Amino acid sequence: MNIEYLNDFVQVDDEKYMKAQPMGTVCHWMAGNVATLGIYSVLLSILCKNGNILRVSKECVSEIHELLKLLDNIVIEYEGNTY
């Protein structure tokens, strides 16, 4: 798989180009019985540059918060921009 699909149009055939397009905002209703399961769909949505809204059950709030805190200090520099 070519990671450039996330940023640019990539030629896949003679006259065909492909690019991953963010779809906007993704809503996640996370199951209350498996705290870590829903985080996978959130991470995939983040990688696809979508905004995310999470609905987390009261039983899982602390676990999900701890997992999301791990993402708080990630800094990426790409083409002169810092994200």
Protein backbone atom coordinates (compact mmCIF):
# COMPACT_ATOMS: atom_id res chain seq x y z
CA MET A 1 0.00 0.00 0.00
CA ASN A 2 1.25 3.44 -0.91
CA ILE A 3 1.07 5.92 2.02
CA GLU A 4 1.07 8.82 -0.45
CA TYR A 5 -2.65 8.14 -1.00
CA LEU A 6 -3.19 10.08 2.24
CA ASN A 7 -1.67 13.30 0.90
CA ASP A 8 -1.64 13.34 -2.90
CA PHE A 9 -3.31 11.85 -5.93
CA VAL A 10 -1.43 8.70 -6.95
CA GLN A 11 -1.69 7.24 -10.43
CA VAL A 12 -3.09 3.70 -10.30
CA ASP A 13 -3.77 3.17 -14.01
CA ASP A 14 -3.31 5.01 -17.31
CA GLU A 15 -5.98 7.62 -16.61
CA LYS A 16 -6.91 6.79 -13.00
CA TYR A 17 -5.73 8.53 -9.90
CA MET A 18 -6.61 7.80 -6.29
CA LYS A 19 -6.46 9.84 -3.09
CA ALA A 20 -7.83 9.19 0.39
CA GLN A 21 -10.31 11.94 1.20
CA PRO A 22 -11.35 12.81 4.75
CA MET A 23 -15.10 12.43 5.08
CA GLY A 24 -15.55 15.02 7.82
CA THR A 25 -16.55 14.11 11.34
CA VAL A 26 -16.87 10.54 12.52
CA CYS A 27 -19.05 9.64 15.52
CA HIS A 28 -18.04 6.64 17.61
CA TRP A 29 -20.39 4.93 20.08
CA MET A 30 -17.95 2.84 22.05
CA ALA A 31 -19.07 -0.41 23.69
CA GLY A 32 -19.15 -0.40 27.46
CA ASN A 33 -17.91 -3.95 27.88
CA VAL A 34 -14.60 -3.68 25.95
CA ALA A 35 -12.87 -0.39 26.71
CA THR A 36 -10.04 -0.72 24.20
CA LEU A 37 -11.99 -2.05 21.21
CA GLY A 38 -13.36 1.28 20.01
CA ILE A 39 -9.98 3.00 20.15
CA TYR A 40 -8.96 1.11 17.00
CA SER A 41 -11.66 2.77 14.91
CA VAL A 42 -10.73 6.14 16.41
CA LEU A 43 -7.07 5.67 15.45
CA LEU A 44 -7.99 4.68 11.90
CA SER A 45 -10.21 7.73 11.62
CA ILE A 46 -7.42 10.00 12.89
CA LEU A 47 -5.01 8.52 10.32
CA CYS A 48 -7.55 9.35 7.60
CA LYS A 49 -7.61 12.98 8.82
CA ASN A 50 -11.22 12.93 10.03
CA GLY A 51 -12.56 14.76 13.06
CA ASN A 52 -13.88 12.50 15.82
CA ILE A 53 -16.68 12.61 18.37
CA LEU A 54 -16.64 9.87 21.00
CA ARG A 55 -19.50 8.60 23.10
CA VAL A 56 -17.95 6.60 25.91
CA SER A 57 -19.80 4.70 28.61
CA LYS A 58 -19.20 5.80 32.20
CA GLU A 59 -17.47 2.49 32.95
CA CYS A 60 -14.80 3.08 30.29
CA VAL A 61 -14.07 6.80 30.59
CA SER A 62 -10.87 6.44 32.62
CA GLU A 63 -9.41 3.73 30.34
CA ILE A 64 -10.18 5.66 27.15
CA HIS A 65 -8.83 8.88 28.66
CA GLU A 66 -5.54 7.14 29.52
CA LEU A 67 -5.23 5.76 25.98
CA LEU A 68 -5.95 9.14 24.38
CA LYS A 69 -3.43 10.89 26.68
CA LEU A 70 -0.72 8.79 25.00
CA LEU A 71 -1.46 10.67 21.77
CA ASP A 72 -1.24 14.10 23.38
CA ASN A 73 2.52 14.60 23.05
CA ILE A 74 3.01 13.31 19.50
CA VAL A 75 4.61 15.89 17.23
CA ILE A 76 5.05 15.31 13.50
CA GLU A 77 7.03 17.54 11.15
CA TYR A 78 6.03 17.19 7.51
CA GLU A 79 6.92 19.47 4.61
CA GLY A 80 7.88 22.32 6.93
CA ASN A 81 4.72 22.09 9.03
CA THR A 82 4.52 20.83 12.61
CA TYR A 83 1.46 18.83 13.59
